Amino acid sequence: MSKTPIKTRSLVFFLVPHFTMLPFSAAVETLRIANRMLGYPAYTWRLASTDGQKVYSSSGIGLEVNSALADERRYLGGENRPNMVLVCSGIYVEEFNNKSVNAWLRETYNRGVAVGSLCTGAHVLAQAGLLNGKRCAIHWENLPGFSETFPQAEVYADLYEVDSNLYTCAGGTASLDMMLNLIGQDFGENLVNRVCEQQLTDRVRSPHDRQRLPLRARLGVQNAKVLSIIELMESNLAEPLSLLEIADDAGLSRRQIERLFRQEMGRSPARYYLEIRLDRARHLLVQSSMPVVEVAVACGFVSASHFSKCYRELYNRSPQQERAERKLTMSTNRTGIVV
């Protein structure tokens, strides 16, 4: 009688400079624990980089890799072909644009290999054209810049997304949840529960669980009306609503909203609305190469001059200075002086 084939899955973790250690290590450790519970190496993995050299994470820790991009392209046609490739990145991902990597990812996907990303890796997948019309997830801090740069991708502030053979996760501990989902597909709920017990994880989160703390906890505000108004504001940054429109939606008078915001937020609703629009602008300035005038429009400002004036008043520097300081920080990080 023939034996049932042993189920195995091989993965490649492709490391982009400044990748984030937390989602990477959470993914690898989850797979390692699954192997331990199964009693055999069901999951195997190797690390790859563009040139086969050591890659440094955003924490300054460098990891040796097993293969270069040229090796991985060759492996696609042989016995070392993986079942899944995961792109691991972190801060400054928008500066990574390698045509050879993009071509390899497309070839990998077209050959039926699952392709995914951890943390900000969806940016690399989108550059390769793999996320057009696909659901994907990315870290909430990078979502504004990503959605402006890749409008064809259906990006969500979820923990992770699985669309066909594409796996994207928002980073942090969400990579643990995505790996548990993968283990569940391969071996069922019983193994998932055993892995959770080893990791001291009390539950498997849904892919659509929120990334960030609820507004109530994040802002320390308990008033339900104020919270609903803030959610309305955050949903309408490119085309800001008037206070009259907000009042109609909330079922309150303008005077009531003014009083509530001064009591709960210590500022007028107009001032608070301006600050969250400027915060969105700051994210776009540091995470994208959008021209300043386009950033202004995306955040609801009618002119670049008005935007720059408001930005300087809040942050004590111009949008141009913000972007210049970011480039200086990136240059310093690359030399290893600061990590």
C-alpha atoms as a PDB file:
ATOM      1  CA  MET A   1       0.000   0.000   0.000  1.00  0.00           C
ATOM      2  CA  SER A   2       1.428   3.389  -1.009  1.00  0.00           C
ATOM      3  CA  LYS A   3       2.007   5.968   1.686  1.00  0.00           C
ATOM      4  CA  THR A   4       0.176   9.301   1.688  1.00  0.00           C
ATOM      5  CA  PRO A   5       2.595  11.985   0.395  1.00  0.00           C
ATOM      6  CA  ILE A   6       3.948  14.236   3.132  1.00  0.00           C
ATOM      7  CA  LYS A   7       2.711  17.795   2.647  1.00  0.00           C
ATOM      8  CA  THR A   8       5.479  20.391   2.375  1.00  0.00           C
ATOM      9  CA  ARG A   9       5.741  24.032   1.363  1.00  0.00           C
ATOM     10  CA  SER A  10       8.918  25.951   0.527  1.00  0.00           C
ATOM     11  CA  LEU A  11       9.142  29.724   0.862  1.00  0.00           C
ATOM     12  CA  VAL A  12      11.526  32.461  -0.210  1.00  0.00           C
ATOM     13  CA  PHE A  13      11.756  35.587   1.936  1.00  0.00           C
ATOM     14  CA  PHE A  14      13.074  38.337  -0.318  1.00  0.00           C
ATOM     15  CA  LEU A  15      14.665  41.022   1.875  1.00  0.00           C
ATOM     16  CA  VAL A  16      14.532  44.672   0.846  1.00  0.00           C
ATOM     17  CA  PRO A  17      16.954  47.072   2.596  1.00  0.00           C
ATOM     18  CA  HIS A  18      15.467  48.517   5.808  1.00  0.00           C
ATOM     19  CA  PHE A  19      12.988  45.617   6.101  1.00  0.00           C
ATOM     20  CA  THR A  20      11.189  45.400   9.445  1.00  0.00           C
ATOM     21  CA  MET A  21      12.332  42.598  11.738  1.00  0.00           C
ATOM     22  CA  LEU A  22       9.071  42.114  13.663  1.00  0.00           C
ATOM     23  CA  PRO A  23       6.856  40.831  10.798  1.00  0.00           C
ATOM     24  CA  PHE A  24       9.749  38.842   9.316  1.00  0.00           C
ATOM     25  CA  SER A  25      10.635  37.070  12.554  1.00  0.00           C
ATOM     26  CA  ALA A  26       6.958  36.531  13.452  1.00  0.00           C
ATOM     27  CA  ALA A  27       6.389  34.793  10.115  1.00  0.00           C
ATOM     28  CA  VAL A  28       9.492  32.585  10.346  1.00  0.00           C
ATOM     29  CA  GLU A  29       8.903  31.642  13.982  1.00  0.00           C
ATOM     30  CA  THR A  30       5.284  30.699  13.295  1.00  0.00           C
ATOM     31  CA  LEU A  31       6.425  28.314  10.561  1.00  0.00           C
ATOM     32  CA  ARG A  32       9.208  26.931  12.768  1.00  0.00           C
ATOM     33  CA  ILE A  33       6.770  26.158  15.569  1.00  0.00           C
ATOM     34  CA  ALA A  34       4.418  24.457  13.100  1.00  0.00           C
ATOM     35  CA  ASN A  35       7.298  22.198  12.024  1.00  0.00           C
ATOM     36  CA  ARG A  36       8.037  21.363  15.644  1.00  0.00           C
ATOM     37  CA  MET A  37       4.415  20.465  16.335  1.00  0.00           C
ATOM     38  CA  LEU A  38       4.261  18.302  13.193  1.00  0.00           C
ATOM     39  CA  GLY A  39       7.538  16.558  13.911  1.00  0.00           C
ATOM     40  CA  TYR A  40       8.968  17.135  10.446  1.00  0.00           C
ATOM     41  CA  PRO A  41      10.022  20.132   8.297  1.00  0.00           C
ATOM     42  CA  ALA A  42       6.744  20.765   6.497  1.00  0.00           C
ATOM     43  CA  TYR A  43       7.843  24.351   5.921  1.00  0.00           C
ATOM     44  CA  THR A  44      11.270  25.186   4.576  1.00  0.00           C
ATOM     45  CA  TRP A  45      12.564  28.624   3.702  1.00  0.00           C
ATOM     46  CA  ARG A  46      15.528  30.518   2.405  1.00  0.00           C
ATOM     47  CA  LEU A  47      16.441  34.208   2.347  1.00  0.00           C
ATOM     48  CA  ALA A  48      17.179  36.083  -0.856  1.00  0.00           C
ATOM     49  CA  SER A  49      18.352  39.557  -1.809  1.00  0.00           C
ATOM     50  CA  THR A  50      18.994  41.421  -5.034  1.00  0.00           C
ATOM     51  CA  ASP A  51      22.739  40.734  -5.087  1.00  0.00           C
ATOM     52  CA  GLY A  52      23.075  37.856  -2.616  1.00  0.00           C
ATOM     53  CA  GLN A  53      24.706  40.112  -0.028  1.00  0.00           C
ATOM     54  CA  LYS A  54      23.757  40.721   3.593  1.00  0.00           C
ATOM     55  CA  VAL A  55      20.673  42.923   4.044  1.00  0.00           C
ATOM     56  CA  TYR A  56      20.274  45.312   6.962  1.00  0.00           C
ATOM     57  CA  SER A  57      16.936  45.752   8.667  1.00  0.00           C
ATOM     58  CA  SER A  58      15.532  49.062   9.914  1.00  0.00           C
ATOM     59  CA  SER A  59      16.886  48.138  13.365  1.00  0.00           C
ATOM     60  CA  GLY A  60      20.428  47.878  11.974  1.00  0.00           C
ATOM     61  CA  ILE A  61      20.577  44.081  12.282  1.00  0.00           C
ATOM     62  CA  GLY A  62      22.020  42.496   9.157  1.00  0.00           C
ATOM     63  CA  LEU A  63      21.010  39.072   7.869  1.00  0.00           C
ATOM     64  CA  GLU A  64      23.020  36.833   5.570  1.00  0.00           C
ATOM     65  CA  VAL A  65      20.981  35.434   2.682  1.00  0.00           C
ATOM     66  CA  ASN A  66      21.048  32.128   0.824  1.00  0.00           C
ATOM     67  CA  SER A  67      20.580  33.325  -2.737  1.00  0.00           C
ATOM     68  CA  ALA A  68      20.667  36.246  -5.144  1.00  0.00           C
ATOM     69  CA  LEU A  69      17.987  37.308  -7.588  1.00  0.00           C
ATOM     70  CA  ALA A  70      19.831  35.571 -10.453  1.00  0.00           C
ATOM     71  CA  ASP A  71      19.759  32.309  -8.475  1.00  0.00           C
ATOM     72  CA  GLU A  72      16.035  32.607  -7.791  1.00  0.00           C
ATOM     73  CA  ARG A  73      15.241  33.180 -11.457  1.00  0.00           C
ATOM     74  CA  ARG A  74      17.191  30.031 -12.294  1.00  0.00           C
ATOM     75  CA  TYR A  75      15.487  28.048  -9.522  1.00  0.00           C
ATOM     76  CA  LEU A  76      12.049  28.727 -11.033  1.00  0.00           C
ATOM     77  CA  GLY A  77      12.712  26.082 -13.657  1.00  0.00           C
ATOM     78  CA  GLY A  78      14.100  23.363 -11.391  1.00  0.00           C
ATOM     79  CA  GLU A  79      13.668  21.383  -8.187  1.00  0.00           C
ATOM     80  CA  ASN A  80      14.441  24.420  -6.014  1.00  0.00           C
ATOM     81  CA  ARG A  81      11.363  26.250  -7.269  1.00  0.00           C
ATOM     82  CA  PRO A  82       9.486  27.626  -4.225  1.00  0.00           C
ATOM     83  CA  ASN A  83       5.767  27.379  -3.456  1.00  0.00           C
ATOM     84  CA  MET A  84       5.649  30.955  -2.184  1.00  0.00           C
ATOM     85  CA  VAL A  85       7.697  34.159  -2.339  1.00  0.00           C
ATOM     86  CA  LEU A  86       7.253  36.843   0.329  1.00  0.00           C
ATOM     87  CA  VAL A  87       8.710  40.340  -0.103  1.00  0.00           C
ATOM     88  CA  CYS A  88       9.845  41.788   3.226  1.00  0.00           C
ATOM     89  CA  SER A  89      10.316  45.544   3.425  1.00  0.00           C
ATOM     90  CA  GLY A  90       9.801  48.428   5.820  1.00  0.00           C
ATOM     91  CA  ILE A  91      10.616  52.120   5.868  1.00  0.00           C
ATOM     92  CA  TYR A  92      11.832  53.846   2.689  1.00  0.00           C
ATOM     93  CA  VAL A  93      10.223  51.140   0.532  1.00  0.00           C
ATOM     94  CA  GLU A  94       9.131  53.755  -2.002  1.00  0.00           C
ATOM     95  CA  GLU A  95      12.823  54.311  -2.815  1.00  0.00           C
ATOM     96  CA  PHE A  96      13.241  50.665  -3.861  1.00  0.00           C
ATOM     97  CA  ASN A  97      12.430  50.265  -7.539  1.00  0.00           C
ATOM     98  CA  ASN A  98      14.310  47.461  -9.220  1.00  0.00           C
ATOM     99  CA  LYS A  99      13.143  46.426 -12.695  1.00  0.00           C
ATOM    100  CA  SER A 100      14.810  43.021 -12.408  1.00  0.00           C
ATOM    101  CA  VAL A 101      12.975  42.317  -9.160  1.00  0.00           C
ATOM    102  CA  ASN A 102       9.704  43.419 -10.743  1.00  0.00           C
ATOM    103  CA  ALA A 103      10.261  41.091 -13.697  1.00  0.00           C
ATOM    104  CA  TRP A 104      11.145  38.175 -11.393  1.00  0.00           C
ATOM    105  CA  LEU A 105       8.006  38.700  -9.306  1.00  0.00           C
ATOM    106  CA  ARG A 106       5.830  38.761 -12.429  1.00  0.00           C
ATOM    107  CA  GLU A 107       7.486  35.615 -13.774  1.00  0.00           C
ATOM    108  CA  THR A 108       7.115  33.899 -10.410  1.00  0.00           C
ATOM    109  CA  TYR A 109       3.416  34.732 -10.218  1.00  0.00           C
ATOM    110  CA  ASN A 110       2.764  33.766 -13.833  1.00  0.00           C
ATOM    111  CA  ARG A 111       4.325  30.359 -13.190  1.00  0.00           C
ATOM    112  CA  GLY A 112       1.735  29.669 -10.510  1.00  0.00           C
ATOM    113  CA  VAL A 113       3.878  30.422  -7.457  1.00  0.00           C
ATOM    114  CA  ALA A 114       2.094  32.286  -4.648  1.00  0.00           C
ATOM    115  CA  VAL A 115       3.506  35.791  -4.164  1.00  0.00           C
ATOM    116  CA  GLY A 116       3.039  37.934  -1.079  1.00  0.00           C
ATOM    117  CA  SER A 117       4.426  40.664   1.106  1.00  0.00           C
ATOM    118  CA  LEU A 118       5.027  41.619   4.715  1.00  0.00           C
ATOM    119  CA  CYS A 119       4.673  45.148   6.120  1.00  0.00           C
ATOM    120  CA  THR A 120       5.165  47.620   3.237  1.00  0.00           C
ATOM    121  CA  GLY A 121       6.038  44.943   0.669  1.00  0.00           C
ATOM    122  CA  ALA A 122       2.755  45.533  -1.169  1.00  0.00           C
ATOM    123  CA  HIS A 123       4.502  48.607  -2.587  1.00  0.00           C
ATOM    124  CA  VAL A 124       7.007  46.350  -4.376  1.00  0.00           C
ATOM    125  CA  LEU A 125       4.249  44.050  -5.635  1.00  0.00           C
ATOM    126  CA  ALA A 126       2.313  47.048  -6.944  1.00  0.00           C
ATOM    127  CA  GLN A 127       5.414  48.351  -8.757  1.00  0.00           C
ATOM    128  CA  ALA A 128       5.593  44.966 -10.468  1.00  0.00           C
ATOM    129  CA  GLY A 129       1.993  45.416 -11.623  1.00  0.00           C
ATOM    130  CA  LEU A 130       0.691  42.454  -9.609  1.00  0.00           C
ATOM    131  CA  LEU A 131      -1.911  44.354  -7.574  1.00  0.00           C
ATOM    132  CA  ASN A 132      -3.932  46.019 -10.335  1.00  0.00           C
ATOM    133  CA  GLY A 133      -7.565  45.271  -9.503  1.00  0.00           C
ATOM    134  CA  LYS A 134      -6.499  43.114  -6.527  1.00  0.00           C
ATOM    135  CA  ARG A 135      -7.312  43.451  -2.839  1.00  0.00           C
ATOM    136  CA  CYS A 136      -4.241  44.120  -0.711  1.00  0.00           C
ATOM    137  CA  ALA A 137      -3.156  45.306   2.724  1.00  0.00           C
ATOM    138  CA  ILE A 138      -0.357  47.613   3.804  1.00  0.00           C
ATOM    139  CA  HIS A 139       0.654  49.256   7.076  1.00  0.00           C
ATOM    140  CA  TRP A 140      -1.765  52.070   7.972  1.00  0.00           C
ATOM    141  CA  GLU A 141       1.045  54.644   8.056  1.00  0.00           C
ATOM    142  CA  ASN A 142       1.870  53.920   4.391  1.00  0.00           C
ATOM    143  CA  LEU A 143      -1.703  53.627   3.160  1.00  0.00           C
ATOM    144  CA  PRO A 144      -2.206  57.295   2.100  1.00  0.00           C
ATOM    145  CA  GLY A 145       0.908  57.402  -0.067  1.00  0.00           C
ATOM    146  CA  PHE A 146       0.269  53.922  -1.454  1.00  0.00           C
ATOM    147  CA  SER A 147      -3.311  54.671  -2.485  1.00  0.00           C
ATOM    148  CA  GLU A 148      -2.228  57.884  -4.245  1.00  0.00           C
ATOM    149  CA  THR A 149       0.675  56.168  -6.050  1.00  0.00           C
ATOM    150  CA  PHE A 150      -1.193  52.989  -7.019  1.00  0.00           C
ATOM    151  CA  PRO A 151      -4.859  53.890  -7.549  1.00  0.00           C
ATOM    152  CA  GLN A 152      -5.432  50.648  -9.507  1.00  0.00           C
ATOM    153  CA  ALA A 153      -4.819  48.553  -6.373  1.00  0.00           C
ATOM    154  CA  GLU A 154      -7.725  47.931  -3.991  1.00  0.00           C
ATOM    155  CA  VAL A 155      -5.916  48.667  -0.739  1.00  0.00           C
ATOM    156  CA  TYR A 156      -7.524  48.195   2.676  1.00  0.00           C
ATOM    157  CA  ALA A 157      -6.482  48.933   6.242  1.00  0.00           C
ATOM    158  CA  ASP A 158      -6.868  45.232   7.100  1.00  0.00           C
ATOM    159  CA  LEU A 159      -4.424  42.955   8.883  1.00  0.00           C
ATOM    160  CA  TYR A 160      -3.928  40.906   5.742  1.00  0.00           C
ATOM    161  CA  GLU A 161      -5.568  40.116   2.425  1.00  0.00           C
ATOM    162  CA  VAL A 162      -5.588  36.989   0.292  1.00  0.00           C
ATOM    163  CA  ASP A 163      -6.699  37.528  -3.303  1.00  0.00           C
ATOM    164  CA  SER A 164      -6.230  34.477  -5.529  1.00  0.00           C
ATOM    165  CA  ASN A 165      -2.552  33.602  -5.198  1.00  0.00           C
ATOM    166  CA  LEU A 166      -1.543  36.978  -3.723  1.00  0.00           C
ATOM    167  CA  TYR A 167      -0.942  37.347   0.029  1.00  0.00           C
ATOM    168  CA  THR A 168      -0.329  40.795   1.519  1.00  0.00           C
ATOM    169  CA  CYS A 169      -0.063  41.700   5.186  1.00  0.00           C
ATOM    170  CA  ALA A 170       0.177  45.002   7.018  1.00  0.00           C
ATOM    171  CA  GLY A 171       3.225  44.060   9.065  1.00  0.00           C
ATOM    172  CA  GLY A 172       3.809  43.982  12.799  1.00  0.00           C
ATOM    173  CA  THR A 173       2.166  40.955  14.383  1.00  0.00           C
ATOM    174  CA  ALA A 174      -0.266  40.670  11.445  1.00  0.00           C
ATOM    175  CA  SER A 175       2.266  38.436   9.677  1.00  0.00           C
ATOM    176  CA  LEU A 176       1.698  35.913  12.464  1.00  0.00           C
ATOM    177  CA  ASP A 177      -2.024  35.886  11.628  1.00  0.00           C
ATOM    178  CA  MET A 178      -1.361  35.486   7.911  1.00  0.00           C
ATOM    179  CA  MET A 179       0.981  32.553   8.544  1.00  0.00           C
ATOM    180  CA  LEU A 180      -1.595  30.939  10.827  1.00  0.00           C
ATOM    181  CA  ASN A 181      -4.092  31.288   7.983  1.00  0.00           C
ATOM    182  CA  LEU A 182      -1.622  29.529   5.680  1.00  0.00           C
ATOM    183  CA  ILE A 183      -1.030  26.738   8.205  1.00  0.00           C
ATOM    184  CA  GLY A 184      -4.790  26.348   8.587  1.00  0.00           C
ATOM    185  CA  GLN A 185      -5.153  25.910   4.827  1.00  0.00           C
ATOM    186  CA  ASP A 186      -2.428  23.262   4.803  1.00  0.00           C
ATOM    187  CA  PHE A 187      -3.079  21.314   7.999  1.00  0.00           C
ATOM    188  CA  GLY A 188      -6.314  22.456   9.619  1.00  0.00           C
ATOM    189  CA  GLU A 189      -7.471  24.183  12.782  1.00  0.00           C
ATOM    190  CA  ASN A 190      -5.989  21.700  15.243  1.00  0.00           C
ATOM    191  CA  LEU A 191      -2.407  22.547  14.250  1.00  0.00           C
ATOM    192  CA  VAL A 192      -3.238  26.279  14.262  1.00  0.00           C
ATOM    193  CA  ASN A 193      -4.445  25.964  17.878  1.00  0.00           C
ATOM    194  CA  ARG A 194      -1.310  24.092  18.925  1.00  0.00           C
ATOM    195  CA  VAL A 195       0.915  26.758  17.346  1.00  0.00           C
ATOM    196  CA  CYS A 196      -1.096  29.494  19.105  1.00  0.00           C
ATOM    197  CA  GLU A 197      -0.567  27.797  22.458  1.00  0.00           C
ATOM    198  CA  GLN A 198       3.189  27.708  21.889  1.00  0.00           C
ATOM    199  CA  GLN A 199       3.205  31.394  20.919  1.00  0.00           C
ATOM    200  CA  LEU A 200       1.020  32.400  23.872  1.00  0.00           C
ATOM    201  CA  THR A 201      -1.491  33.760  21.357  1.00  0.00           C
ATOM    202  CA  ASP A 202      -5.034  33.665  22.727  1.00  0.00           C
ATOM    203  CA  ARG A 203      -6.867  33.961  19.407  1.00  0.00           C
ATOM    204  CA  VAL A 204      -6.435  34.009  15.660  1.00  0.00           C
ATOM    205  CA  ARG A 205      -7.435  37.430  14.383  1.00  0.00           C
ATOM    206  CA  SER A 206      -9.658  37.857  11.369  1.00  0.00           C
ATOM    207  CA  PRO A 207      -7.966  39.352   8.295  1.00  0.00           C
ATOM    208  CA  HIS A 208     -10.402  42.258   8.552  1.00  0.00           C
ATOM    209  CA  ASP A 209      -9.627  43.125  12.173  1.00  0.00           C
ATOM    210  CA  ARG A 210      -8.527  46.735  12.570  1.00  0.00           C
ATOM    211  CA  GLN A 211      -4.840  47.652  12.428  1.00  0.00           C
ATOM    212  CA  ARG A 212      -5.058  50.643  14.737  1.00  0.00           C
ATOM    213  CA  LEU A 213      -6.581  51.194  18.128  1.00  0.00           C
ATOM    214  CA  PRO A 214     -10.212  52.343  18.036  1.00  0.00           C
ATOM    215  CA  LEU A 215     -10.592  56.137  17.979  1.00  0.00           C
ATOM    216  CA  ARG A 216     -11.994  56.036  21.508  1.00  0.00           C
ATOM    217  CA  ALA A 217      -8.769  54.530  22.858  1.00  0.00           C
ATOM    218  CA  ARG A 218      -6.414  56.373  20.498  1.00  0.00           C
ATOM    219  CA  LEU A 219      -7.778  59.837  21.311  1.00  0.00           C
ATOM    220  CA  GLY A 220      -8.966  59.229  24.852  1.00  0.00           C
ATOM    221  CA  VAL A 221     -12.389  60.586  23.893  1.00  0.00           C
ATOM    222  CA  GLN A 222     -15.627  59.023  25.119  1.00  0.00           C
ATOM    223  CA  ASN A 223     -18.245  61.258  23.515  1.00  0.00           C
ATOM    224  CA  ALA A 224     -19.901  59.218  20.744  1.00  0.00           C
ATOM    225  CA  LYS A 225     -20.953  62.298  18.762  1.00  0.00           C
ATOM    226  CA  VAL A 226     -17.421  63.696  18.679  1.00  0.00           C
ATOM    227  CA  LEU A 227     -16.035  60.320  17.627  1.00  0.00           C
ATOM    228  CA  SER A 228     -18.545  59.970  14.786  1.00  0.00           C
ATOM    229  CA  ILE A 229     -17.715  63.495  13.557  1.00  0.00           C
ATOM    230  CA  ILE A 230     -13.980  62.729  13.608  1.00  0.00           C
ATOM    231  CA  GLU A 231     -14.580  59.533  11.610  1.00  0.00           C
ATOM    232  CA  LEU A 232     -16.553  61.628   9.106  1.00  0.00           C
ATOM    233  CA  MET A 233     -13.686  64.111   8.867  1.00  0.00           C
ATOM    234  CA  GLU A 234     -11.094  61.359   8.361  1.00  0.00           C
ATOM    235  CA  SER A 235     -13.200  59.942   5.517  1.00  0.00           C
ATOM    236  CA  ASN A 236     -13.322  63.299   3.727  1.00  0.00           C
ATOM    237  CA  LEU A 237      -9.814  64.742   3.582  1.00  0.00           C
ATOM    238  CA  ALA A 238      -9.417  65.401  -0.160  1.00  0.00           C
ATOM    239  CA  GLU A 239     -12.721  67.277  -0.323  1.00  0.00           C
ATOM    240  CA  PRO A 240     -13.335  68.685   3.172  1.00  0.00           C
ATOM    241  CA  LEU A 241     -16.909  69.063   4.326  1.00  0.00           C
ATOM    242  CA  SER A 242     -18.224  72.382   5.577  1.00  0.00           C
ATOM    243  CA  LEU A 243     -19.194  72.681   9.233  1.00  0.00           C
ATOM    244  CA  LEU A 244     -22.816  72.987   8.095  1.00  0.00           C
ATOM    245  CA  GLU A 245     -22.572  69.656   6.230  1.00  0.00           C
ATOM    246  CA  ILE A 246     -20.984  68.031   9.273  1.00  0.00           C
ATOM    247  CA  ALA A 247     -23.707  69.437  11.518  1.00  0.00           C
ATOM    248  CA  ASP A 248     -26.445  68.082   9.237  1.00  0.00           C
ATOM    249  CA  ASP A 249     -24.838  64.623   9.223  1.00  0.00           C
ATOM    250  CA  ALA A 250     -24.391  64.602  13.024  1.00  0.00           C
ATOM    251  CA  GLY A 251     -27.862  65.971  13.758  1.00  0.00           C
ATOM    252  CA  LEU A 252     -26.395  68.823  15.801  1.00  0.00           C
ATOM    253  CA  SER A 253     -26.205  72.580  15.433  1.00  0.00           C
ATOM    254  CA  ARG A 254     -22.956  74.293  14.524  1.00  0.00           C
ATOM    255  CA  ARG A 255     -22.831  75.858  17.959  1.00  0.00           C
ATOM    256  CA  GLN A 256     -23.220  72.455  19.654  1.00  0.00           C
ATOM    257  CA  ILE A 257     -20.347  71.022  17.593  1.00  0.00           C
ATOM    258  CA  GLU A 258     -18.135  74.004  18.409  1.00  0.00           C
ATOM    259  CA  ARG A 259     -18.832  73.560  22.119  1.00  0.00           C
ATOM    260  CA  LEU A 260     -18.293  69.778  22.061  1.00  0.00           C
ATOM    261  CA  PHE A 261     -14.935  70.042  20.277  1.00  0.00           C
ATOM    262  CA  ARG A 262     -13.637  72.719  22.614  1.00  0.00           C
ATOM    263  CA  GLN A 263     -14.652  70.572  25.605  1.00  0.00           C
ATOM    264  CA  GLU A 264     -13.345  67.248  24.286  1.00  0.00           C
ATOM    265  CA  MET A 265     -10.503  68.178  21.909  1.00  0.00           C
ATOM    266  CA  GLY A 266      -9.390  71.572  23.257  1.00  0.00           C
ATOM    267  CA  ARG A 267      -9.737  73.198  19.831  1.00  0.00           C
ATOM    268  CA  SER A 268     -12.394  74.202  17.323  1.00  0.00           C
ATOM    269  CA  PRO A 269     -13.696  71.591  14.854  1.00  0.00           C
ATOM    270  CA  ALA A 270     -12.215  73.624  11.984  1.00  0.00           C
ATOM    271  CA  ARG A 271      -8.795  73.586  13.639  1.00  0.00           C
ATOM    272  CA  TYR A 272      -8.972  69.846  14.334  1.00  0.00           C
ATOM    273  CA  TYR A 273     -10.048  69.142  10.745  1.00  0.00           C
ATOM    274  CA  LEU A 274      -7.112  71.206   9.459  1.00  0.00           C
ATOM    275  CA  GLU A 275      -4.655  69.308  11.664  1.00  0.00           C
ATOM    276  CA  ILE A 276      -5.709  65.861  10.455  1.00  0.00           C
ATOM    277  CA  ARG A 277      -5.492  67.052   6.845  1.00  0.00           C
ATOM    278  CA  LEU A 278      -1.976  68.328   7.498  1.00  0.00           C
ATOM    279  CA  ASP A 279      -1.062  65.050   9.183  1.00  0.00           C
ATOM    280  CA  ARG A 280      -2.189  63.229   6.032  1.00  0.00           C
ATOM    281  CA  ALA A 281      -0.073  65.648   3.982  1.00  0.00           C
ATOM    282  CA  ARG A 282       2.966  64.927   6.138  1.00  0.00           C
ATOM    283  CA  HIS A 283       2.610  61.200   5.494  1.00  0.00           C
ATOM    284  CA  LEU A 284       2.388  61.828   1.751  1.00  0.00           C
ATOM    285  CA  LEU A 285       5.451  64.080   1.793  1.00  0.00           C
ATOM    286  CA  VAL A 286       7.649  61.537   3.568  1.00  0.00           C
ATOM    287  CA  GLN A 287       6.305  58.380   1.896  1.00  0.00           C
ATOM    288  CA  SER A 288       5.812  59.405  -1.718  1.00  0.00           C
ATOM    289  CA  SER A 289       7.434  61.443  -4.455  1.00  0.00           C
ATOM    290  CA  MET A 290       4.215  63.328  -5.234  1.00  0.00           C
ATOM    291  CA  PRO A 291       4.832  66.997  -6.106  1.00  0.00           C
ATOM    292  CA  VAL A 292       3.938  69.354  -3.276  1.00  0.00           C
ATOM    293  CA  VAL A 293       1.060  70.840  -5.253  1.00  0.00           C
ATOM    294  CA  GLU A 294      -0.461  67.364  -5.718  1.00  0.00           C
ATOM    295  CA  VAL A 295      -0.069  66.654  -2.008  1.00  0.00           C
ATOM    296  CA  ALA A 296      -1.919  69.899  -1.316  1.00  0.00           C
ATOM    297  CA  VAL A 297      -4.802  68.936  -3.602  1.00  0.00           C
ATOM    298  CA  ALA A 298      -4.985  65.399  -2.162  1.00  0.00           C
ATOM    299  CA  CYS A 299      -5.433  66.919   1.302  1.00  0.00           C
ATOM    300  CA  GLY A 300      -8.111  69.439   0.356  1.00  0.00           C
ATOM    301  CA  PHE A 301      -6.116  72.636  -0.116  1.00  0.00           C
ATOM    302  CA  VAL A 302      -7.066  74.931  -2.975  1.00  0.00           C
ATOM    303  CA  SER A 303      -3.544  76.290  -3.471  1.00  0.00           C
ATOM    304  CA  ALA A 304       0.026  75.248  -2.742  1.00  0.00           C
ATOM    305  CA  SER A 305       0.744  78.607  -1.096  1.00  0.00           C
ATOM    306  CA  HIS A 306      -2.104  78.251   1.392  1.00  0.00           C
ATOM    307  CA  PHE A 307      -1.021  74.669   2.084  1.00  0.00           C
ATOM    308  CA  SER A 308       2.591  75.729   2.719  1.00  0.00           C
ATOM    309  CA  LYS A 309       1.479  78.533   5.043  1.00  0.00           C
ATOM    310  CA  CYS A 310      -0.682  76.172   7.141  1.00  0.00           C
ATOM    311  CA  TYR A 311       2.005  73.481   7.152  1.00  0.00           C
ATOM    312  CA  ARG A 312       4.683  75.873   8.394  1.00  0.00           C
ATOM    313  CA  GLU A 313       2.405  77.204  11.141  1.00  0.00           C
ATOM    314  CA  LEU A 314       1.827  73.671  12.496  1.00  0.00           C
ATOM    315  CA  TYR A 315       5.225  72.010  11.964  1.00  0.00           C
ATOM    316  CA  ASN A 316       7.589  75.031  11.946  1.00  0.00           C
ATOM    317  CA  ARG A 317       8.981  74.029   8.556  1.00  0.00           C
ATOM    318  CA  SER A 318       7.808  74.123   4.977  1.00  0.00           C
ATOM    319  CA  PRO A 319       6.680  71.049   3.031  1.00  0.00           C
ATOM    320  CA  GLN A 320       9.867  71.334   0.971  1.00  0.00           C
ATOM    321  CA  GLN A 321      11.988  71.330   4.141  1.00  0.00           C
ATOM    322  CA  GLU A 322      10.070  68.293   5.425  1.00  0.00           C
ATOM    323  CA  ARG A 323      10.950  66.342   2.310  1.00  0.00           C
ATOM    324  CA  ALA A 324      14.584  67.546   2.340  1.00  0.00           C
ATOM    325  CA  GLU A 325      14.995  66.449   5.987  1.00  0.00           C
ATOM    326  CA  ARG A 326      13.610  63.034   5.096  1.00  0.00           C
ATOM    327  CA  LYS A 327      16.131  62.623   2.275  1.00  0.00           C
ATOM    328  CA  LEU A 328      18.928  63.603   4.670  1.00  0.00           C
ATOM    329  CA  THR A 329      17.712  61.044   7.210  1.00  0.00           C
ATOM    330  CA  MET A 330      17.649  58.349   4.526  1.00  0.00           C
ATOM    331  CA  SER A 331      21.183  59.199   3.448  1.00  0.00           C
ATOM    332  CA  THR A 332      22.378  59.053   7.065  1.00  0.00           C
ATOM    333  CA  ASN A 333      20.666  55.706   7.666  1.00  0.00           C
ATOM    334  CA  ARG A 334      22.296  54.205   4.576  1.00  0.00           C
ATOM    335  CA  THR A 335      25.748  55.076   5.858  1.00  0.00           C
ATOM    336  CA  GLY A 336      24.993  53.274   9.097  1.00  0.00           C
ATOM    337  CA  ILE A 337      25.531  56.321  11.308  1.00  0.00           C
ATOM    338  CA  VAL A 338      21.976  56.187  12.626  1.00  0.00           C
ATOM    339  CA  VAL A 339      19.599  53.211  12.616  1.00  0.00           C
END
